[in-house]
N, C-alpha and C. Protein backbone atom coordinates (compact mmCIF):
# COMPACT_ATOMS: atom_id res chain seq x y z
N MET A 1 -64.54 -120.46 171.08
CA MET A 1 -65.07 -120.59 172.30
C MET A 1 -64.93 -119.34 173.11
N GLN A 2 -63.63 -118.84 173.03
CA GLN A 2 -63.34 -117.59 173.96
C GLN A 2 -64.25 -116.25 173.31
N ARG A 3 -64.40 -116.36 171.91
CA ARG A 3 -65.42 -115.33 171.40
C ARG A 3 -66.73 -115.50 171.86
N MET A 4 -67.15 -116.68 171.99
CA MET A 4 -68.53 -116.75 172.42
C MET A 4 -68.68 -116.27 174.01
N ILE A 5 -67.69 -116.66 174.74
CA ILE A 5 -67.78 -116.13 176.18
C ILE A 5 -67.78 -114.61 176.14
N VAL A 6 -66.92 -114.00 175.29
CA VAL A 6 -66.88 -112.59 175.31
C VAL A 6 -68.19 -111.98 174.92
N MET A 7 -68.65 -112.51 173.79
CA MET A 7 -70.12 -112.05 173.41
C MET A 7 -71.13 -112.25 174.40
N THR A 8 -71.18 -113.39 175.08
CA THR A 8 -72.14 -113.61 176.14
C THR A 8 -71.98 -112.63 177.30
N LEU A 9 -70.73 -112.33 177.76
CA LEU A 9 -70.50 -111.47 178.82
C LEU A 9 -70.97 -109.93 178.40
N ALA A 10 -70.60 -109.56 177.16
CA ALA A 10 -71.14 -108.26 176.64
C ALA A 10 -72.64 -108.24 176.53
N ALA A 11 -73.27 -109.23 176.19
CA ALA A 11 -74.73 -109.13 176.20
C ALA A 11 -75.19 -109.09 177.57
N MET A 12 -74.67 -109.79 178.53
CA MET A 12 -75.22 -109.87 179.91
C MET A 12 -74.84 -108.38 180.47
N ALA A 13 -73.85 -107.74 180.14
CA ALA A 13 -73.55 -106.39 180.59
C ALA A 13 -74.62 -105.34 180.11
N ILE A 14 -74.85 -105.54 178.76
CA ILE A 14 -75.87 -104.61 178.20
C ILE A 14 -77.11 -104.85 178.75
N GLY A 15 -77.59 -106.07 178.99
CA GLY A 15 -78.87 -106.35 179.70
C GLY A 15 -78.87 -105.85 181.09
N THR A 16 -77.86 -105.95 181.82
CA THR A 16 -77.77 -105.52 183.30
C THR A 16 -77.92 -104.02 183.21
N CYS A 17 -77.27 -103.20 182.34
CA CYS A 17 -77.21 -101.84 182.16
C CYS A 17 -78.68 -101.35 181.79
N THR A 18 -79.33 -102.13 180.93
CA THR A 18 -80.73 -101.71 180.47
C THR A 18 -81.65 -101.84 181.60
N ILE A 19 -81.57 -102.90 182.42
CA ILE A 19 -82.34 -103.26 183.46
C ILE A 19 -82.17 -102.37 184.69
N SER A 20 -80.93 -102.16 185.16
CA SER A 20 -80.65 -101.49 186.41
C SER A 20 -80.06 -100.01 186.07
N GLY A 21 -79.64 -99.83 184.96
CA GLY A 21 -79.05 -98.49 184.77
C GLY A 21 -77.61 -98.39 184.95
N CYS A 22 -76.86 -97.96 184.19
CA CYS A 22 -75.24 -97.74 184.41
C CYS A 22 -75.09 -96.39 184.60
N THR A 23 -74.33 -96.30 185.78
CA THR A 23 -73.91 -95.07 186.25
C THR A 23 -72.49 -95.22 186.68
N LYS A 24 -71.64 -94.22 186.64
CA LYS A 24 -70.29 -94.35 187.09
C LYS A 24 -70.16 -94.92 188.45
N ASP A 25 -71.11 -94.40 189.45
CA ASP A 25 -70.96 -94.98 190.84
C ASP A 25 -71.20 -96.52 190.80
N ASN A 26 -72.19 -97.00 189.94
CA ASN A 26 -72.59 -98.42 189.91
C ASN A 26 -71.33 -99.09 189.46
N GLN A 27 -70.65 -98.69 188.49
CA GLN A 27 -69.48 -99.39 187.88
C GLN A 27 -68.41 -99.49 188.91
N SER A 28 -68.10 -98.38 189.61
CA SER A 28 -66.83 -98.31 190.45
C SER A 28 -67.00 -99.09 191.66
N SER A 29 -68.21 -99.34 192.09
CA SER A 29 -68.42 -100.09 193.33
C SER A 29 -68.27 -101.57 193.17
N ARG A 30 -68.10 -102.14 192.00
CA ARG A 30 -67.87 -103.55 191.62
C ARG A 30 -66.49 -103.75 191.92
N ASN A 31 -66.11 -104.96 192.54
CA ASN A 31 -64.82 -105.38 192.68
C ASN A 31 -64.15 -106.01 191.56
N VAL A 32 -64.90 -106.94 190.98
CA VAL A 32 -64.25 -107.69 189.72
C VAL A 32 -65.47 -107.85 188.71
N PRO A 33 -65.01 -107.76 187.43
CA PRO A 33 -65.98 -107.78 186.47
C PRO A 33 -66.69 -109.17 186.44
N ALA A 34 -68.21 -109.14 186.14
CA ALA A 34 -68.70 -110.41 186.25
C ALA A 34 -68.18 -111.50 185.36
N VAL A 35 -67.80 -112.61 185.73
CA VAL A 35 -67.52 -113.83 185.02
C VAL A 35 -68.11 -115.00 185.38
N SER A 36 -68.19 -116.05 184.55
CA SER A 36 -68.94 -117.09 184.62
C SER A 36 -68.19 -117.95 185.85
N THR A 37 -68.82 -119.01 186.34
CA THR A 37 -68.26 -119.85 187.53
C THR A 37 -66.93 -120.45 186.97
N THR A 38 -67.14 -121.07 185.77
CA THR A 38 -65.95 -121.70 185.09
C THR A 38 -64.78 -120.75 184.99
N GLU A 39 -65.01 -119.57 184.54
CA GLU A 39 -63.97 -118.52 184.26
C GLU A 39 -63.42 -118.21 185.61
N SER A 40 -64.36 -117.98 186.66
CA SER A 40 -63.81 -117.59 187.91
C SER A 40 -63.04 -118.70 188.54
N ALA A 41 -63.34 -119.85 188.46
CA ALA A 41 -62.49 -121.10 188.84
C ALA A 41 -61.07 -121.12 188.25
N ALA A 42 -61.19 -120.81 186.91
CA ALA A 42 -59.88 -120.83 186.03
C ALA A 42 -58.99 -119.72 186.56
N LEU A 43 -59.47 -118.55 186.94
CA LEU A 43 -58.72 -117.39 187.40
C LEU A 43 -58.27 -117.72 188.76
N VAL A 44 -58.88 -118.22 189.52
CA VAL A 44 -58.35 -118.63 190.91
C VAL A 44 -57.32 -119.60 190.77
N ASP A 45 -57.43 -120.60 189.87
CA ASP A 45 -56.39 -121.60 189.70
C ASP A 45 -55.13 -120.94 189.15
N LYS A 46 -55.32 -120.01 188.22
CA LYS A 46 -54.30 -119.20 187.67
C LYS A 46 -53.56 -118.33 188.88
N GLY A 47 -54.34 -117.84 189.64
CA GLY A 47 -53.97 -117.00 190.80
C GLY A 47 -53.03 -117.84 191.70
N ALA A 48 -53.49 -119.11 192.02
CA ALA A 48 -52.69 -120.00 192.68
C ALA A 48 -51.40 -120.24 192.19
N VAL A 49 -51.17 -120.39 190.91
CA VAL A 49 -50.06 -120.61 190.41
C VAL A 49 -49.15 -119.44 190.55
N LEU A 50 -49.60 -118.21 190.16
CA LEU A 50 -48.87 -117.12 190.27
C LEU A 50 -48.60 -116.80 191.63
N PHE A 51 -49.36 -117.04 192.64
CA PHE A 51 -49.20 -116.78 193.95
C PHE A 51 -47.93 -117.66 194.43
N LYS A 52 -47.89 -118.83 194.16
CA LYS A 52 -46.89 -119.69 194.52
C LYS A 52 -45.58 -119.29 193.89
N GLU A 53 -45.62 -118.84 192.54
CA GLU A 53 -44.39 -118.30 191.94
C GLU A 53 -43.77 -117.09 192.53
N TYR A 54 -44.63 -116.10 192.85
CA TYR A 54 -44.25 -114.74 193.22
C TYR A 54 -44.38 -114.29 194.71
N CYS A 55 -45.31 -114.88 195.29
CA CYS A 55 -45.74 -114.56 196.68
C CYS A 55 -45.42 -115.37 197.86
N SER A 56 -45.34 -116.76 197.72
CA SER A 56 -45.53 -117.60 198.62
C SER A 56 -44.10 -117.75 199.55
N SER A 57 -43.07 -117.26 198.93
CA SER A 57 -41.80 -117.34 199.66
C SER A 57 -41.83 -116.43 200.93
N CYS A 58 -42.52 -115.19 200.73
CA CYS A 58 -42.68 -114.25 201.81
C CYS A 58 -44.06 -114.32 202.56
N HIS A 59 -45.07 -115.08 201.76
CA HIS A 59 -46.45 -115.15 202.44
C HIS A 59 -46.84 -116.48 202.50
N PRO A 60 -46.05 -117.44 203.08
CA PRO A 60 -46.41 -118.90 203.13
C PRO A 60 -47.91 -118.97 203.90
N ASP A 61 -48.69 -119.79 203.36
CA ASP A 61 -50.15 -119.91 203.93
C ASP A 61 -50.69 -118.63 204.38
N GLY A 62 -50.56 -117.58 203.52
CA GLY A 62 -51.28 -116.19 203.78
C GLY A 62 -50.59 -115.38 204.87
N GLY A 63 -49.50 -115.95 205.42
CA GLY A 63 -48.80 -115.24 206.54
C GLY A 63 -47.78 -114.13 205.90
N ASN A 64 -47.04 -113.76 206.70
CA ASN A 64 -45.93 -112.64 206.27
C ASN A 64 -44.61 -112.89 207.08
N VAL A 65 -43.54 -113.33 206.40
CA VAL A 65 -42.28 -113.61 207.03
C VAL A 65 -41.56 -112.20 207.45
N VAL A 66 -41.80 -111.20 206.79
CA VAL A 66 -41.19 -109.95 207.07
C VAL A 66 -41.96 -109.10 208.08
N ASN A 67 -43.25 -109.12 208.00
CA ASN A 67 -44.06 -108.29 208.96
C ASN A 67 -45.20 -109.19 209.33
N PRO A 68 -45.13 -109.95 210.47
CA PRO A 68 -46.20 -110.90 210.74
C PRO A 68 -47.58 -110.21 210.96
N LYS A 69 -47.71 -108.93 211.11
CA LYS A 69 -48.86 -108.22 211.37
C LYS A 69 -49.61 -108.08 210.14
N LYS A 70 -48.87 -108.17 208.98
CA LYS A 70 -49.49 -107.86 207.56
C LYS A 70 -49.64 -109.15 206.89
N THR A 71 -50.56 -109.91 207.25
CA THR A 71 -50.92 -111.23 206.64
C THR A 71 -51.69 -111.02 205.57
N LEU A 72 -52.20 -111.87 204.68
CA LEU A 72 -52.95 -111.78 203.50
C LEU A 72 -54.44 -112.24 203.89
N HIS A 73 -54.75 -112.21 205.10
CA HIS A 73 -56.10 -112.71 205.52
C HIS A 73 -57.03 -111.56 205.30
N ALA A 74 -58.31 -111.73 204.94
CA ALA A 74 -59.18 -110.71 204.52
C ALA A 74 -59.12 -109.36 205.30
N ALA A 75 -59.48 -109.84 206.66
CA ALA A 75 -59.54 -108.69 207.62
C ALA A 75 -58.28 -107.78 207.66
N VAL A 76 -57.22 -108.37 207.62
CA VAL A 76 -55.90 -107.57 207.64
C VAL A 76 -55.80 -106.82 206.30
N LEU A 77 -56.02 -107.42 205.23
CA LEU A 77 -56.04 -106.82 203.97
C LEU A 77 -56.94 -105.56 203.99
N ALA A 78 -58.23 -105.83 204.61
CA ALA A 78 -59.12 -104.66 204.58
C ALA A 78 -58.60 -103.54 205.50
N ASP A 79 -58.14 -103.89 206.63
CA ASP A 79 -57.53 -102.97 207.48
C ASP A 79 -56.47 -102.08 206.74
N ASN A 80 -55.77 -102.68 205.81
CA ASN A 80 -54.73 -101.93 204.98
C ASN A 80 -55.20 -101.51 203.62
N LYS A 81 -56.50 -101.39 203.48
CA LYS A 81 -57.15 -100.88 202.34
C LYS A 81 -56.95 -101.61 201.09
N ILE A 82 -56.80 -102.86 201.16
CA ILE A 82 -56.76 -103.89 200.15
C ILE A 82 -58.03 -104.50 199.97
N THR A 83 -59.11 -104.03 199.42
CA THR A 83 -60.30 -104.60 199.15
C THR A 83 -60.79 -104.94 197.83
N ARG A 84 -59.90 -104.59 196.98
CA ARG A 84 -60.32 -104.69 195.36
C ARG A 84 -59.04 -105.05 194.69
N PRO A 85 -59.16 -105.72 193.47
CA PRO A 85 -57.97 -106.18 192.78
C PRO A 85 -57.14 -104.92 192.50
N GLU A 86 -57.82 -103.63 192.15
CA GLU A 86 -57.06 -102.41 191.91
C GLU A 86 -56.19 -102.09 193.05
N ASP A 87 -56.60 -102.25 194.30
CA ASP A 87 -55.78 -102.11 195.47
C ASP A 87 -54.61 -102.82 195.46
N LEU A 88 -54.66 -104.29 195.26
CA LEU A 88 -53.51 -105.10 195.17
C LEU A 88 -52.64 -104.68 194.00
N ILE A 89 -53.14 -104.27 192.90
CA ILE A 89 -52.30 -103.92 191.77
C ILE A 89 -51.40 -102.58 192.39
N GLY A 90 -52.15 -101.58 193.05
CA GLY A 90 -51.34 -100.46 193.53
C GLY A 90 -50.24 -100.89 194.53
N LEU A 91 -50.53 -101.94 195.44
CA LEU A 91 -49.43 -102.42 196.28
C LEU A 91 -48.45 -102.98 195.68
N LEU A 92 -48.73 -103.73 194.59
CA LEU A 92 -47.61 -104.45 193.82
C LEU A 92 -46.75 -103.44 193.09
N ARG A 93 -47.22 -102.37 192.55
CA ARG A 93 -46.48 -101.42 191.87
C ARG A 93 -45.77 -100.45 192.77
N THR A 94 -46.20 -100.14 193.92
CA THR A 94 -45.61 -99.17 194.92
C THR A 94 -45.75 -99.79 196.32
N PRO A 95 -45.10 -100.84 196.56
CA PRO A 95 -45.19 -101.59 197.90
C PRO A 95 -44.58 -100.74 199.03
N GLY A 96 -44.92 -101.13 200.27
CA GLY A 96 -44.37 -100.42 201.57
C GLY A 96 -42.97 -101.22 201.80
N PRO A 97 -42.43 -100.84 202.97
CA PRO A 97 -41.13 -101.27 203.24
C PRO A 97 -41.11 -102.77 203.55
N GLY A 98 -40.16 -103.46 202.85
CA GLY A 98 -40.03 -104.83 203.13
C GLY A 98 -40.55 -105.76 201.98
N MET A 99 -41.29 -105.10 201.18
CA MET A 99 -41.91 -105.81 199.98
C MET A 99 -41.22 -105.33 198.71
N ARG A 100 -40.96 -106.31 197.85
CA ARG A 100 -40.36 -106.06 196.51
C ARG A 100 -41.42 -105.37 195.59
N THR A 101 -41.01 -104.70 194.61
CA THR A 101 -41.94 -104.09 193.61
C THR A 101 -42.01 -105.09 192.50
N PHE A 102 -43.23 -105.03 192.08
CA PHE A 102 -43.65 -106.03 190.87
C PHE A 102 -44.18 -104.99 189.87
N ASP A 103 -43.31 -104.88 188.67
CA ASP A 103 -43.90 -104.16 187.56
C ASP A 103 -44.76 -104.78 186.84
N ASP A 104 -45.38 -103.98 185.97
CA ASP A 104 -46.56 -104.77 184.93
C ASP A 104 -46.01 -105.68 184.06
N ARG A 105 -44.70 -105.72 183.82
CA ARG A 105 -44.03 -106.76 182.97
C ARG A 105 -43.87 -108.13 183.77
N THR A 106 -43.66 -107.98 185.09
CA THR A 106 -43.42 -109.19 185.88
C THR A 106 -44.90 -109.78 186.30
N ILE A 107 -45.61 -108.95 186.86
CA ILE A 107 -47.09 -109.30 187.03
C ILE A 107 -47.93 -108.35 186.44
N THR A 108 -48.65 -108.90 185.37
CA THR A 108 -49.69 -107.88 184.72
C THR A 108 -50.81 -107.66 185.47
N ASP A 109 -51.62 -106.67 185.10
CA ASP A 109 -52.74 -106.21 185.92
C ASP A 109 -53.65 -107.47 185.96
N SER A 110 -53.87 -108.17 184.87
CA SER A 110 -54.71 -109.26 184.68
C SER A 110 -54.18 -110.48 185.67
N ASP A 111 -52.98 -110.65 185.65
CA ASP A 111 -52.41 -111.60 186.56
C ASP A 111 -52.60 -111.24 188.10
N ALA A 112 -52.50 -109.93 188.40
CA ALA A 112 -52.66 -109.38 189.67
C ALA A 112 -54.14 -109.56 190.12
N ARG A 113 -55.15 -109.54 189.21
CA ARG A 113 -56.53 -109.76 189.41
C ARG A 113 -56.71 -111.22 189.82
N ALA A 114 -56.05 -112.13 189.22
CA ALA A 114 -56.17 -113.54 189.39
C ALA A 114 -55.71 -113.81 190.75
N ILE A 115 -54.41 -113.19 191.09
CA ILE A 115 -53.86 -113.32 192.49
C ILE A 115 -55.02 -112.90 193.50
N TYR A 116 -55.45 -111.70 193.43
CA TYR A 116 -56.44 -111.25 194.30
C TYR A 116 -57.65 -112.23 194.50
N LEU A 117 -58.22 -112.67 193.36
CA LEU A 117 -59.30 -113.82 193.52
C LEU A 117 -58.71 -115.06 194.29
N TYR A 118 -57.53 -115.45 194.08
CA TYR A 118 -57.06 -116.55 194.88
C TYR A 118 -56.96 -116.29 196.37
N LEU A 119 -56.37 -114.98 196.77
CA LEU A 119 -56.42 -114.57 198.08
C LEU A 119 -57.71 -114.40 198.59
N GLU A 120 -58.62 -113.80 197.96
CA GLU A 120 -60.10 -113.57 198.37
C GLU A 120 -60.67 -115.00 198.79
N LYS A 121 -60.42 -116.14 197.92
CA LYS A 121 -60.95 -117.40 198.07
C LYS A 121 -60.38 -118.17 199.21
N ASN A 122 -59.05 -117.95 199.44
CA ASN A 122 -58.29 -118.95 200.22
C ASN A 122 -57.89 -118.39 201.61
N PHE A 123 -57.90 -116.90 201.73
CA PHE A 123 -57.56 -116.36 202.95
C PHE A 123 -58.66 -115.36 203.62
N ARG A 124 -59.79 -115.90 203.75
CA ARG A 124 -60.84 -114.96 204.23
C ARG A 124 -60.66 -114.84 205.54
């Protein structure tokens, strides 16, 4: 099943490149790789579990107990230059004052992307 999903996504990517043309600029402007609705929902669910485990004690309901001005709501994240999963990964690896560091063994890049999708869906 998973192999079929990967093959389908690869075929879609090739088709998209053929129709619209692939350039480095087009690729870098995407926030998250294209995934099916089912996969996206599964990633959001995974992000919810990870958020609860690693983030919710300091960020209950998307707030921030250490610095109330730095919530996880979309506008605040954008003001703090967190607009893509890669931005969240960077913050987890080298956080600012008051936030603990999460290395890639604690929260993998893939898991951080799932957390980002959860934030994006739940704290607009």
